[in-house]
Amino acid sequence: MARAKNQSTTKDPVFAAIEKHQKAMRELQEALKMVQGTLGPDPKKEKKYGDLEWTARAELTSTAPTTLQGLLALFTYINGVTNGPLSPYGKRDNTFEEFESLTVVLANAEELLSEQIGRAA
């Protein structure tokens, strides 16, 4: 069985992007809680934290992994959020179901895999 190259994952920017998105999702979930005495969340907080999550998601999906470990972490995170185990509320989430976002992720994955395998994309 072939062994993976020993590469440092701390330099892969995708790990920081994942952490930033996780934080933004937790903050958005908190902002979406109903305000006592009202019928919904605070609209200012909802907008602020919704925008922050959207920005973090856009940064994450456009961040090209530089290691195979980063690529695996990115795919694992997207699948985990989509299927529920890694979403802040433990249920399926449609955060990454935007076609354009996934197209960028796949293009970045193709580029990294092409570099690792040694062929031009």
PDB file of N, CA and C in Angstrom:
ATOM      1  N   MET A   1       0.848  -1.181   0.000  1.00  0.00           N
ATOM      2  CA  MET A   1       0.000   0.000   0.000  1.00  0.00           C
ATOM      3  C   MET A   1       0.892   1.242   0.000  1.00  0.00           C
ATOM      4  N   ALA A   2       0.559   2.187  -0.831  1.00  0.00           N
ATOM      5  CA  ALA A   2       1.338   3.415  -0.925  1.00  0.00           C
ATOM      6  C   ALA A   2       1.136   4.255   0.330  1.00  0.00           C
ATOM      7  N   ARG A   3       2.178   4.924   0.708  1.00  0.00           N
ATOM      8  CA  ARG A   3       2.107   5.780   1.885  1.00  0.00           C
ATOM      9  C   ARG A   3       1.950   7.229   1.445  1.00  0.00           C
ATOM     10  N   ALA A   4       1.158   7.962   2.178  1.00  0.00           N
ATOM     11  CA  ALA A   4       0.967   9.380   1.881  1.00  0.00           C
ATOM     12  C   ALA A   4       2.231  10.144   2.240  1.00  0.00           C
ATOM     13  N   LYS A   5       2.489  11.190   1.491  1.00  0.00           N
ATOM     14  CA  LYS A   5       3.622  12.041   1.809  1.00  0.00           C
ATOM     15  C   LYS A   5       3.408  12.659   3.175  1.00  0.00           C
ATOM     16  N   ASN A   6       4.463  12.754   3.944  1.00  0.00           N
ATOM     17  CA  ASN A   6       4.378  13.376   5.256  1.00  0.00           C
ATOM     18  C   ASN A   6       4.444  14.887   5.064  1.00  0.00           C
ATOM     19  N   GLN A   7       3.303  15.540   5.157  1.00  0.00           N
ATOM     20  CA  GLN A   7       3.229  16.983   4.955  1.00  0.00           C
ATOM     21  C   GLN A   7       2.637  17.639   6.188  1.00  0.00           C
ATOM     22  N   SER A   8       3.083  18.826   6.446  1.00  0.00           N
ATOM     23  CA  SER A   8       2.551  19.576   7.574  1.00  0.00           C
ATOM     24  C   SER A   8       1.164  20.105   7.239  1.00  0.00           C
ATOM     25  N   THR A   9       0.206  19.804   8.092  1.00  0.00           N
ATOM     26  CA  THR A   9      -1.147  20.298   7.877  1.00  0.00           C
ATOM     27  C   THR A   9      -1.340  21.682   8.477  1.00  0.00           C
ATOM     28  N   THR A  10      -0.401  22.123   9.305  1.00  0.00           N
ATOM     29  CA  THR A  10      -0.576  23.422   9.943  1.00  0.00           C
ATOM     30  C   THR A  10      -0.424  24.562   8.939  1.00  0.00           C
ATOM     31  N   LYS A  11       0.246  24.318   7.814  1.00  0.00           N
ATOM     32  CA  LYS A  11       0.433  25.365   6.820  1.00  0.00           C
ATOM     33  C   LYS A  11      -0.712  25.408   5.812  1.00  0.00           C
ATOM     34  N   ASP A  12      -1.566  24.413   5.827  1.00  0.00           N
ATOM     35  CA  ASP A  12      -2.671  24.372   4.869  1.00  0.00           C
ATOM     36  C   ASP A  12      -3.728  25.376   5.306  1.00  0.00           C
ATOM     37  N   PRO A  13      -4.025  26.358   4.449  1.00  0.00           N
ATOM     38  CA  PRO A  13      -4.972  27.408   4.845  1.00  0.00           C
ATOM     39  C   PRO A  13      -6.399  26.915   5.034  1.00  0.00           C
ATOM     40  N   VAL A  14      -6.714  25.733   4.539  1.00  0.00           N
ATOM     41  CA  VAL A  14      -8.087  25.254   4.655  1.00  0.00           C
ATOM     42  C   VAL A  14      -8.464  24.976   6.120  1.00  0.00           C
ATOM     43  N   PHE A  15      -7.502  24.615   6.958  1.00  0.00           N
ATOM     44  CA  PHE A  15      -7.817  24.342   8.362  1.00  0.00           C
ATOM     45  C   PHE A  15      -8.291  25.608   9.077  1.00  0.00           C
ATOM     46  N   ALA A  16      -7.627  26.721   8.836  1.00  0.00           N
ATOM     47  CA  ALA A  16      -8.062  27.988   9.439  1.00  0.00           C
ATOM     48  C   ALA A  16      -9.421  28.407   8.888  1.00  0.00           C
ATOM     49  N   ALA A  17      -9.645  28.163   7.599  1.00  0.00           N
ATOM     50  CA  ALA A  17     -10.933  28.523   6.991  1.00  0.00           C
ATOM     51  C   ALA A  17     -12.067  27.686   7.582  1.00  0.00           C
ATOM     52  N   ILE A  18     -11.805  26.411   7.849  1.00  0.00           N
ATOM     53  CA  ILE A  18     -12.815  25.549   8.479  1.00  0.00           C
ATOM     54  C   ILE A  18     -13.141  26.069   9.874  1.00  0.00           C
ATOM     55  N   GLU A  19     -12.106  26.374  10.655  1.00  0.00           N
ATOM     56  CA  GLU A  19     -12.332  26.886  12.013  1.00  0.00           C
ATOM     57  C   GLU A  19     -13.118  28.193  11.994  1.00  0.00           C
ATOM     58  N   LYS A  20     -12.795  29.071  11.048  1.00  0.00           N
ATOM     59  CA  LYS A  20     -13.511  30.350  10.949  1.00  0.00           C
ATOM     60  C   LYS A  20     -14.978  30.108  10.610  1.00  0.00           C
ATOM     61  N   HIS A  21     -15.243  29.173   9.715  1.00  0.00           N
ATOM     62  CA  HIS A  21     -16.636  28.893   9.354  1.00  0.00           C
ATOM     63  C   HIS A  21     -17.383  28.238  10.513  1.00  0.00           C
ATOM     64  N   GLN A  22     -16.746  27.334  11.227  1.00  0.00           N
ATOM     65  CA  GLN A  22     -17.395  26.706  12.389  1.00  0.00           C
ATOM     66  C   GLN A  22     -17.814  27.772  13.396  1.00  0.00           C
ATOM     67  N   LYS A  23     -16.926  28.714  13.664  1.00  0.00           N
ATOM     68  CA  LYS A  23     -17.222  29.792  14.609  1.00  0.00           C
ATOM     69  C   LYS A  23     -18.392  30.638  14.096  1.00  0.00           C
ATOM     70  N   ALA A  24     -18.361  30.971  12.819  1.00  0.00           N
ATOM     71  CA  ALA A  24     -19.434  31.795  12.238  1.00  0.00           C
ATOM     72  C   ALA A  24     -20.772  31.071  12.297  1.00  0.00           C
ATOM     73  N   MET A  25     -20.771  29.757  12.061  1.00  0.00           N
ATOM     74  CA  MET A  25     -22.028  29.002  12.140  1.00  0.00           C
ATOM     75  C   MET A  25     -22.567  28.960  13.562  1.00  0.00           C
ATOM     76  N   ARG A  26     -21.680  28.783  14.545  1.00  0.00           N
ATOM     77  CA  ARG A  26     -22.132  28.779  15.951  1.00  0.00           C
ATOM     78  C   ARG A  26     -22.717  30.143  16.333  1.00  0.00           C
ATOM     79  N   GLU A  27     -22.039  31.207  15.908  1.00  0.00           N
ATOM     80  CA  GLU A  27     -22.525  32.558  16.226  1.00  0.00           C
ATOM     81  C   GLU A  27     -23.867  32.834  15.545  1.00  0.00           C
ATOM     82  N   LEU A  28     -24.028  32.374  14.314  1.00  0.00           N
ATOM     83  CA  LEU A  28     -25.302  32.563  13.619  1.00  0.00           C
ATOM     84  C   LEU A  28     -26.407  31.784  14.325  1.00  0.00           C
ATOM     85  N   GLN A  29     -26.114  30.562  14.717  1.00  0.00           N
ATOM     86  CA  GLN A  29     -27.122  29.767  15.426  1.00  0.00           C
ATOM     87  C   GLN A  29     -27.577  30.487  16.694  1.00  0.00           C
ATOM     88  N   GLU A  30     -26.632  31.060  17.412  1.00  0.00           N
ATOM     89  CA  GLU A  30     -26.969  31.791  18.630  1.00  0.00           C
ATOM     90  C   GLU A  30     -27.803  33.025  18.298  1.00  0.00           C
ATOM     91  N   ALA A  31     -27.461  33.721  17.225  1.00  0.00           N
ATOM     92  CA  ALA A  31     -28.179  34.932  16.829  1.00  0.00           C
ATOM     93  C   ALA A  31     -29.593  34.633  16.358  1.00  0.00           C
ATOM     94  N   LEU A  32     -29.854  33.419  15.899  1.00  0.00           N
ATOM     95  CA  LEU A  32     -31.177  33.060  15.388  1.00  0.00           C
ATOM     96  C   LEU A  32     -32.163  32.635  16.475  1.00  0.00           C
ATOM     97  N   LYS A  33     -31.695  32.584  17.715  1.00  0.00           N
ATOM     98  CA  LYS A  33     -32.601  32.227  18.806  1.00  0.00           C
ATOM     99  C   LYS A  33     -33.615  33.337  19.014  1.00  0.00           C
ATOM    100  N   MET A  34     -34.828  32.935  19.376  1.00  0.00           N
ATOM    101  CA  MET A  34     -35.901  33.914  19.606  1.00  0.00           C
ATOM    102  C   MET A  34     -35.547  34.808  20.785  1.00  0.00           C
ATOM    103  N   VAL A  35     -35.851  36.080  20.613  1.00  0.00           N
ATOM    104  CA  VAL A  35     -35.681  37.042  21.695  1.00  0.00           C
ATOM    105  C   VAL A  35     -36.911  36.955  22.573  1.00  0.00           C
ATOM    106  N   GLN A  36     -36.683  36.849  23.878  1.00  0.00           N
ATOM    107  CA  GLN A  36     -37.801  36.729  24.819  1.00  0.00           C
ATOM    108  C   GLN A  36     -38.764  37.899  24.645  1.00  0.00           C
ATOM    109  N   GLY A  37     -40.044  37.572  24.563  1.00  0.00           N
ATOM    110  CA  GLY A  37     -41.079  38.584  24.423  1.00  0.00           C
ATOM    111  C   GLY A  37     -41.354  38.990  22.980  1.00  0.00           C
ATOM    112  N   THR A  38     -40.688  38.311  22.033  1.00  0.00           N
ATOM    113  CA  THR A  38     -40.917  38.613  20.615  1.00  0.00           C
ATOM    114  C   THR A  38     -41.271  37.323  19.885  1.00  0.00           C
ATOM    115  N   LEU A  39     -41.534  37.439  18.611  1.00  0.00           N
ATOM    116  CA  LEU A  39     -41.868  36.266  17.798  1.00  0.00           C
ATOM    117  C   LEU A  39     -40.688  35.778  16.951  1.00  0.00           C
ATOM    118  N   GLY A  40     -39.508  36.327  17.180  1.00  0.00           N
ATOM    119  CA  GLY A  40     -38.368  35.909  16.374  1.00  0.00           C
ATOM    120  C   GLY A  40     -37.054  36.426  16.925  1.00  0.00           C
ATOM    121  N   PRO A  41     -35.996  36.221  16.158  1.00  0.00           N
ATOM    122  CA  PRO A  41     -34.679  36.689  16.589  1.00  0.00           C
ATOM    123  C   PRO A  41     -34.523  38.189  16.380  1.00  0.00           C
ATOM    124  N   ASP A  42     -33.481  38.730  16.952  1.00  0.00           N
ATOM    125  CA  ASP A  42     -33.139  40.136  16.755  1.00  0.00           C
ATOM    126  C   ASP A  42     -32.715  40.298  15.292  1.00  0.00           C
ATOM    127  N   PRO A  43     -33.440  41.092  14.508  1.00  0.00           N
ATOM    128  CA  PRO A  43     -33.138  41.196  13.078  1.00  0.00           C
ATOM    129  C   PRO A  43     -31.747  41.760  12.778  1.00  0.00           C
ATOM    130  N   LYS A  44     -31.247  42.653  13.637  1.00  0.00           N
ATOM    131  CA  LYS A  44     -29.904  43.200  13.417  1.00  0.00           C
ATOM    132  C   LYS A  44     -28.843  42.113  13.606  1.00  0.00           C
ATOM    133  N   LYS A  45     -28.991  41.329  14.664  1.00  0.00           N
ATOM    134  CA  LYS A  45     -28.045  40.234  14.909  1.00  0.00           C
ATOM    135  C   LYS A  45     -28.163  39.169  13.819  1.00  0.00           C
ATOM    136  N   GLU A  46     -29.385  38.890  13.412  1.00  0.00           N
ATOM    137  CA  GLU A  46     -29.612  37.893  12.368  1.00  0.00           C
ATOM    138  C   GLU A  46     -28.880  38.296  11.085  1.00  0.00           C
ATOM    139  N   LYS A  47     -28.989  39.556  10.706  1.00  0.00           N
ATOM    140  CA  LYS A  47     -28.320  40.041   9.496  1.00  0.00           C
ATOM    141  C   LYS A  47     -26.807  40.031   9.669  1.00  0.00           C
ATOM    142  N   LYS A  48     -26.344  40.572  10.792  1.00  0.00           N
ATOM    143  CA  LYS A  48     -24.895  40.661  11.042  1.00  0.00           C
ATOM    144  C   LYS A  48     -24.249  39.281  10.988  1.00  0.00           C
ATOM    145  N   TYR A  49     -24.802  38.347  11.764  1.00  0.00           N
ATOM    146  CA  TYR A  49     -24.170  37.027  11.843  1.00  0.00           C
ATOM    147  C   TYR A  49     -24.462  36.174  10.607  1.00  0.00           C
ATOM    148  N   GLY A  50     -25.561  36.450   9.932  1.00  0.00           N
ATOM    149  CA  GLY A  50     -25.818  35.793   8.655  1.00  0.00           C
ATOM    150  C   GLY A  50     -24.796  36.216   7.612  1.00  0.00           C
ATOM    151  N   ASP A  51     -24.492  37.509   7.586  1.00  0.00           N
ATOM    152  CA  ASP A  51     -23.477  38.015   6.661  1.00  0.00           C
ATOM    153  C   ASP A  51     -22.093  37.456   6.989  1.00  0.00           C
ATOM    154  N   LEU A  52     -21.766  37.374   8.284  1.00  0.00           N
ATOM    155  CA  LEU A  52     -20.467  36.820   8.690  1.00  0.00           C
ATOM    156  C   LEU A  52     -20.342  35.346   8.294  1.00  0.00           C
ATOM    157  N   GLU A  53     -21.430  34.595   8.454  1.00  0.00           N
ATOM    158  CA  GLU A  53     -21.389  33.181   8.058  1.00  0.00           C
ATOM    159  C   GLU A  53     -21.240  33.055   6.558  1.00  0.00           C
ATOM    160  N   TRP A  54     -21.965  33.884   5.804  1.00  0.00           N
ATOM    161  CA  TRP A  54     -21.890  33.838   4.349  1.00  0.00           C
ATOM    162  C   TRP A  54     -20.467  34.137   3.873  1.00  0.00           C
ATOM    163  N   THR A  55     -19.842  35.144   4.484  1.00  0.00           N
ATOM    164  CA  THR A  55     -18.468  35.504   4.127  1.00  0.00           C
ATOM    165  C   THR A  55     -17.501  34.374   4.467  1.00  0.00           C
ATOM    166  N   ALA A  56     -17.652  33.787   5.646  1.00  0.00           N
ATOM    167  CA  ALA A  56     -16.774  32.680   6.045  1.00  0.00           C
ATOM    168  C   ALA A  56     -16.965  31.471   5.133  1.00  0.00           C
ATOM    169  N   ARG A  57     -18.198  31.217   4.716  1.00  0.00           N
ATOM    170  CA  ARG A  57     -18.482  30.105   3.796  1.00  0.00           C
ATOM    171  C   ARG A  57     -17.837  30.358   2.439  1.00  0.00           C
ATOM    172  N   ALA A  58     -17.963  31.587   1.946  1.00  0.00           N
ATOM    173  CA  ALA A  58     -17.361  31.935   0.654  1.00  0.00           C
ATOM    174  C   ALA A  58     -15.841  31.800   0.721  1.00  0.00           C
ATOM    175  N   GLU A  59     -15.243  32.238   1.819  1.00  0.00           N
ATOM    176  CA  GLU A  59     -13.789  32.097   1.979  1.00  0.00           C
ATOM    177  C   GLU A  59     -13.392  30.627   2.043  1.00  0.00           C
ATOM    178  N   LEU A  60     -14.169  29.828   2.769  1.00  0.00           N
ATOM    179  CA  LEU A  60     -13.857  28.405   2.896  1.00  0.00           C
ATOM    180  C   LEU A  60     -13.936  27.698   1.549  1.00  0.00           C
ATOM    181  N   THR A  61     -15.007  27.919   0.827  1.00  0.00           N
ATOM    182  CA  THR A  61     -15.168  27.195  -0.435  1.00  0.00           C
ATOM    183  C   THR A  61     -14.192  27.673  -1.500  1.00  0.00           C
ATOM    184  N   SER A  62     -13.652  28.869  -1.359  1.00  0.00           N
ATOM    185  CA  SER A  62     -12.684  29.353  -2.340  1.00  0.00           C
ATOM    186  C   SER A  62     -11.239  29.143  -1.898  1.00  0.00           C
ATOM    187  N   THR A  63     -11.028  28.616  -0.696  1.00  0.00           N
ATOM    188  CA  THR A  63      -9.680  28.337  -0.217  1.00  0.00           C
ATOM    189  C   THR A  63      -9.213  27.008  -0.793  1.00  0.00           C
ATOM    190  N   ALA A  64      -8.124  27.042  -1.521  1.00  0.00           N
ATOM    191  CA  ALA A  64      -7.586  25.833  -2.137  1.00  0.00           C
ATOM    192  C   ALA A  64      -6.718  25.087  -1.126  1.00  0.00           C
ATOM    193  N   PRO A  65      -7.055  23.834  -0.832  1.00  0.00           N
ATOM    194  CA  PRO A  65      -6.192  23.049   0.055  1.00  0.00           C
ATOM    195  C   PRO A  65      -4.812  22.884  -0.577  1.00  0.00           C
ATOM    196  N   THR A  66      -3.792  22.855   0.268  1.00  0.00           N
ATOM    197  CA  THR A  66      -2.428  22.677  -0.229  1.00  0.00           C
ATOM    198  C   THR A  66      -1.863  21.311   0.123  1.00  0.00           C
ATOM    199  N   THR A  67      -2.627  20.536   0.883  1.00  0.00           N
ATOM    200  CA  THR A  67      -2.203  19.182   1.258  1.00  0.00           C
ATOM    201  C   THR A  67      -3.370  18.227   1.079  1.00  0.00           C
ATOM    202  N   LEU A  68      -3.051  16.955   0.943  1.00  0.00           N
ATOM    203  CA  LEU A  68      -4.115  15.954   0.870  1.00  0.00           C
ATOM    204  C   LEU A  68      -4.892  15.900   2.179  1.00  0.00           C
ATOM    205  N   GLN A  69      -4.213  16.130   3.292  1.00  0.00           N
ATOM    206  CA  GLN A  69      -4.896  16.154   4.591  1.00  0.00           C
ATOM    207  C   GLN A  69      -5.915  17.295   4.636  1.00  0.00           C
ATOM    208  N   GLY A  70      -5.547  18.435   4.071  1.00  0.00           N
ATOM    209  CA  GLY A  70      -6.466  19.564   4.016  1.00  0.00           C
ATOM    210  C   GLY A  70      -7.655  19.281   3.119  1.00  0.00           C
ATOM    211  N   LEU A  71      -7.396  18.628   1.995  1.00  0.00           N
ATOM    212  CA  LEU A  71      -8.485  18.264   1.088  1.00  0.00           C
ATOM    213  C   LEU A  71      -9.450  17.311   1.777  1.00  0.00           C
ATOM    214  N   LEU A  72      -8.910  16.309   2.449  1.00  0.00           N
ATOM    215  CA  LEU A  72      -9.764  15.368   3.177  1.00  0.00           C
ATOM    216  C   LEU A  72     -10.551  16.090   4.272  1.00  0.00           C
ATOM    217  N   ALA A  73      -9.902  16.993   5.002  1.00  0.00           N
ATOM    218  CA  ALA A  73     -10.598  17.747   6.059  1.00  0.00           C
ATOM    219  C   ALA A  73     -11.723  18.590   5.477  1.00  0.00           C
ATOM    220  N   LEU A  74     -11.479  19.211   4.330  1.00  0.00           N
ATOM    221  CA  LEU A  74     -12.510  20.032   3.696  1.00  0.00           C
ATOM    222  C   LEU A  74     -13.707  19.188   3.287  1.00  0.00           C
ATOM    223  N   PHE A  75     -13.465  18.069   2.611  1.00  0.00           N
ATOM    224  CA  PHE A  75     -14.561  17.190   2.198  1.00  0.00           C
ATOM    225  C   PHE A  75     -15.301  16.628   3.414  1.00  0.00           C
ATOM    226  N   THR A  76     -14.559  16.237   4.431  1.00  0.00           N
ATOM    227  CA  THR A  76     -15.169  15.698   5.654  1.00  0.00           C
ATOM    228  C   THR A  76     -16.045  16.754   6.317  1.00  0.00           C
ATOM    229  N   TYR A  77     -15.566  17.984   6.376  1.00  0.00           N
ATOM    230  CA  TYR A  77     -16.328  19.064   7.003  1.00  0.00           C
ATOM    231  C   TYR A  77     -17.602  19.361   6.221  1.00  0.00           C
ATOM    232  N   ILE A  78     -17.492  19.505   4.911  1.00  0.00           N
ATOM    233  CA  ILE A  78     -18.673  19.804   4.094  1.00  0.00           C
ATOM    234  C   ILE A  78     -19.705  18.682   4.221  1.00  0.00           C
ATOM    235  N   ASN A  79     -19.247  17.438   4.136  1.00  0.00           N
ATOM    236  CA  ASN A  79     -20.173  16.304   4.289  1.00  0.00           C
ATOM    237  C   ASN A  79     -20.774  16.274   5.690  1.00  0.00           C
ATOM    238  N   GLY A  80     -19.965  16.565   6.701  1.00  0.00           N
ATOM    239  CA  GLY A  80     -20.449  16.553   8.083  1.00  0.00           C
ATOM    240  C   GLY A  80     -21.494  17.611   8.354  1.00  0.00           C
ATOM    241  N   VAL A  81     -21.295  18.805   7.800  1.00  0.00           N
ATOM    242  CA  VAL A  81     -22.291  19.865   7.971  1.00  0.00           C
ATOM    243  C   VAL A  81     -23.559  19.504   7.200  1.00  0.00           C
ATOM    244  N   THR A  82     -23.379  19.053   5.961  1.00  0.00           N
ATOM    245  CA  THR A  82     -24.528  18.739   5.115  1.00  0.00           C
ATOM    246  C   THR A  82     -25.372  17.616   5.712  1.00  0.00           C
ATOM    247  N   ASN A  83     -24.735  16.593   6.240  1.00  0.00           N
ATOM    248  CA  ASN A  83     -25.468  15.444   6.779  1.00  0.00           C
ATOM    249  C   ASN A  83     -25.830  15.582   8.250  1.00  0.00           C
ATOM    250  N   GLY A  84     -25.312  16.597   8.927  1.00  0.00           N
ATOM    251  CA  GLY A  84     -25.740  16.875  10.291  1.00  0.00           C
ATOM    252  C   GLY A  84     -24.735  16.729  11.404  1.00  0.00           C
ATOM    253  N   PRO A  85     -23.851  15.734  11.392  1.00  0.00           N
ATOM    254  CA  PRO A  85     -22.975  15.561  12.559  1.00  0.00           C
ATOM    255  C   PRO A  85     -22.097  16.769  12.889  1.00  0.00           C
ATOM    256  N   LEU A  86     -21.736  17.573  11.899  1.00  0.00           N
ATOM    257  CA  LEU A  86     -20.881  18.730  12.163  1.00  0.00           C
ATOM    258  C   LEU A  86     -21.621  20.060  12.064  1.00  0.00           C
ATOM    259  N   SER A  87     -22.938  20.012  11.884  1.00  0.00           N
ATOM    260  CA  SER A  87     -23.689  21.269  11.894  1.00  0.00           C
ATOM    261  C   SER A  87     -23.872  21.678  13.349  1.00  0.00           C
ATOM    262  N   PRO A  88     -24.028  22.970  13.624  1.00  0.00           N
ATOM    263  CA  PRO A  88     -24.108  23.414  15.008  1.00  0.00           C
ATOM    264  C   PRO A  88     -25.306  22.865  15.771  1.00  0.00           C
ATOM    265  N   TYR A  89     -26.334  22.438  15.070  1.00  0.00           N
ATOM    266  CA  TYR A  89     -27.518  21.916  15.759  1.00  0.00           C
ATOM    267  C   TYR A  89     -27.714  20.434  15.518  1.00  0.00           C
ATOM    268  N   GLY A  90     -26.736  19.775  14.911  1.00  0.00           N
ATOM    269  CA  GLY A  90     -26.753  18.325  14.780  1.00  0.00           C
ATOM    270  C   GLY A  90     -27.758  17.761  13.796  1.00  0.00           C
ATOM    271  N   LYS A  91     -28.260  18.580  12.901  1.00  0.00           N
ATOM    272  CA  LYS A  91     -29.217  18.120  11.894  1.00  0.00           C
ATOM    273  C   LYS A  91     -28.694  18.488  10.516  1.00  0.00           C
ATOM    274  N   ARG A  92     -29.278  17.874   9.485  1.00  0.00           N
ATOM    275  CA  ARG A  92     -28.891  18.206   8.107  1.00  0.00           C
ATOM    276  C   ARG A  92     -28.937  19.711   7.899  1.00  0.00           C
ATOM    277  N   ASP A  93     -28.011  20.205   7.093  1.00  0.00           N
ATOM    278  CA  ASP A  93     -27.911  21.635   6.854  1.00  0.00           C
ATOM    279  C   ASP A  93     -27.635  21.858   5.371  1.00  0.00           C
ATOM    280  N   ASN A  94     -28.271  22.840   4.774  1.00  0.00           N
ATOM    281  CA  ASN A  94     -28.089  23.091   3.347  1.00  0.00           C
ATOM    282  C   ASN A  94     -27.060  24.175   3.055  1.00  0.00           C
ATOM    283  N   THR A  95     -26.213  24.477   4.004  1.00  0.00           N
ATOM    284  CA  THR A  95     -25.203  25.527   3.861  1.00  0.00           C
ATOM    285  C   THR A  95     -24.383  25.394   2.586  1.00  0.00           C
ATOM    286  N   PHE A  96     -23.981  24.168   2.247  1.00  0.00           N
ATOM    287  CA  PHE A  96     -23.070  23.973   1.118  1.00  0.00           C
ATOM    288  C   PHE A  96     -23.776  23.427  -0.122  1.00  0.00           C
ATOM    289  N   GLU A  97     -25.063  23.604  -0.222  1.00  0.00           N
ATOM    290  CA  GLU A  97     -25.772  23.053  -1.365  1.00  0.00           C
ATOM    291  C   GLU A  97     -25.836  24.006  -2.558  1.00  0.00           C
ATOM    292  N   GLU A  98     -25.144  25.113  -2.470  1.00  0.00           N
ATOM    293  CA  GLU A  98     -25.063  26.054  -3.577  1.00  0.00           C
ATOM    294  C   GLU A  98     -24.113  25.495  -4.636  1.00  0.00           C
ATOM    295  N   PHE A  99     -24.586  25.322  -5.840  1.00  0.00           N
ATOM    296  CA  PHE A  99     -23.801  24.697  -6.901  1.00  0.00           C
ATOM    297  C   PHE A  99     -22.475  25.410  -7.140  1.00  0.00           C
ATOM    298  N   GLU A 100     -22.503  26.744  -7.160  1.00  0.00           N
ATOM    299  CA  GLU A 100     -21.290  27.507  -7.454  1.00  0.00           C
ATOM    300  C   GLU A 100     -20.208  27.246  -6.411  1.00  0.00           C
ATOM    301  N   SER A 101     -20.577  27.162  -5.149  1.00  0.00           N
ATOM    302  CA  SER A 101     -19.600  26.898  -4.085  1.00  0.00           C
ATOM    303  C   SER A 101     -18.946  25.539  -4.264  1.00  0.00           C
ATOM    304  N   LEU A 102     -19.757  24.541  -4.541  1.00  0.00           N
ATOM    305  CA  LEU A 102     -19.211  23.198  -4.691  1.00  0.00           C
ATOM    306  C   LEU A 102     -18.361  23.064  -5.944  1.00  0.00           C
ATOM    307  N   THR A 103     -18.695  23.806  -6.983  1.00  0.00           N
ATOM    308  CA  THR A 103     -17.881  23.785  -8.200  1.00  0.00           C
ATOM    309  C   THR A 103     -16.481  24.302  -7.916  1.00  0.00           C
ATOM    310  N   VAL A 104     -16.367  25.360  -7.131  1.00  0.00           N
ATOM    311  CA  VAL A 104     -15.059  25.904  -6.769  1.00  0.00           C
ATOM    312  C   VAL A 104     -14.286  24.896  -5.927  1.00  0.00           C
ATOM    313  N   VAL A 105     -14.946  24.258  -4.968  1.00  0.00           N
ATOM    314  CA  VAL A 105     -14.291  23.251  -4.129  1.00  0.00           C
ATOM    315  C   VAL A 105     -13.759  22.118  -5.000  1.00  0.00           C
ATOM    316  N   LEU A 106     -14.569  21.647  -5.920  1.00  0.00           N
ATOM    317  CA  LEU A 106     -14.134  20.549  -6.795  1.00  0.00           C
ATOM    318  C   LEU A 106     -12.986  20.972  -7.712  1.00  0.00           C
ATOM    319  N   ALA A 107     -13.021  22.186  -8.215  1.00  0.00           N
ATOM    320  CA  ALA A 107     -11.921  22.667  -9.060  1.00  0.00           C
ATOM    321  C   ALA A 107     -10.618  22.740  -8.271  1.00  0.00           C
ATOM    322  N   ASN A 108     -10.697  23.218  -7.031  1.00  0.00           N
ATOM    323  CA  ASN A 108      -9.503  23.261  -6.180  1.00  0.00           C
ATOM    324  C   ASN A 108      -9.007  21.862  -5.863  1.00  0.00           C
ATOM    325  N   ALA A 109      -9.929  20.937  -5.631  1.00  0.00           N
ATOM    326  CA  ALA A 109      -9.552  19.545  -5.354  1.00  0.00           C
ATOM    327  C   ALA A 109      -8.856  18.936  -6.567  1.00  0.00           C
ATOM    328  N   GLU A 110      -9.404  19.190  -7.743  1.00  0.00           N
ATOM    329  CA  GLU A 110      -8.787  18.664  -8.962  1.00  0.00           C
ATOM    330  C   GLU A 110      -7.361  19.190  -9.121  1.00  0.00           C
ATOM    331  N   GLU A 111      -7.164  20.468  -8.849  1.00  0.00           N
ATOM    332  CA  GLU A 111      -5.837  21.061  -8.979  1.00  0.00           C
ATOM    333  C   GLU A 111      -4.840  20.419  -8.014  1.00  0.00           C
ATOM    334  N   LEU A 112      -5.241  20.271  -6.755  1.00  0.00           N
ATOM    335  CA  LEU A 112      -4.352  19.654  -5.770  1.00  0.00           C
ATOM    336  C   LEU A 112      -4.045  18.215  -6.142  1.00  0.00           C
ATOM    337  N   LEU A 113      -5.052  17.459  -6.496  1.00  0.00           N
ATOM    338  CA  LEU A 113      -4.840  16.054  -6.863  1.00  0.00           C
ATOM    339  C   LEU A 113      -3.945  15.937  -8.101  1.00  0.00           C
ATOM    340  N   SER A 114      -4.121  16.832  -9.057  1.00  0.00           N
ATOM    341  CA  SER A 114      -3.282  16.832 -10.241  1.00  0.00           C
ATOM    342  C   SER A 114      -1.813  17.095  -9.877  1.00  0.00           C
ATOM    343  N   GLU A 115      -1.595  18.023  -8.970  1.00  0.00           N
ATOM    344  CA  GLU A 115      -0.229  18.309  -8.508  1.00  0.00           C
ATOM    345  C   GLU A 115       0.371  17.100  -7.790  1.00  0.00           C
ATOM    346  N   GLN A 116      -0.431  16.451  -6.952  1.00  0.00           N
ATOM    347  CA  GLN A 116       0.055  15.312  -6.180  1.00  0.00           C
ATOM    348  C   GLN A 116       0.357  14.111  -7.067  1.00  0.00           C
ATOM    349  N   ILE A 117      -0.484  13.905  -8.073  1.00  0.00           N
ATOM    350  CA  ILE A 117      -0.336  12.746  -8.962  1.00  0.00           C
ATOM    351  C   ILE A 117       0.723  13.037 -10.027  1.00  0.00           C
ATOM    352  N   GLY A 118       0.870  14.311 -10.394  1.00  0.00           N
ATOM    353  CA  GLY A 118       1.894  14.675 -11.342  1.00  0.00           C
ATOM    354  C   GLY A 118       1.415  14.875 -12.757  1.00  0.00           C
ATOM    355  N   ARG A 119       0.164  15.203 -12.940  1.00  0.00           N
ATOM    356  CA  ARG A 119      -0.328  15.497 -14.283  1.00  0.00           C
ATOM    357  C   ARG A 119      -0.904  16.897 -14.292  1.00  0.00           C
ATOM    358  N   ALA A 120      -0.913  17.500 -15.443  1.00  0.00           N
ATOM    359  CA  ALA A 120      -1.495  18.837 -15.576  1.00  0.00           C
ATOM    360  C   ALA A 120      -3.010  18.740 -15.611  1.00  0.00           C
ATOM    361  N   ALA A 121      -3.657  19.689 -14.943  1.00  0.00           N
ATOM    362  CA  ALA A 121      -5.126  19.692 -14.928  1.00  0.00           C
ATOM    363  C   ALA A 121      -5.676  20.103 -16.257  1.00  0.00           C
TER     364      ALA A 121
END
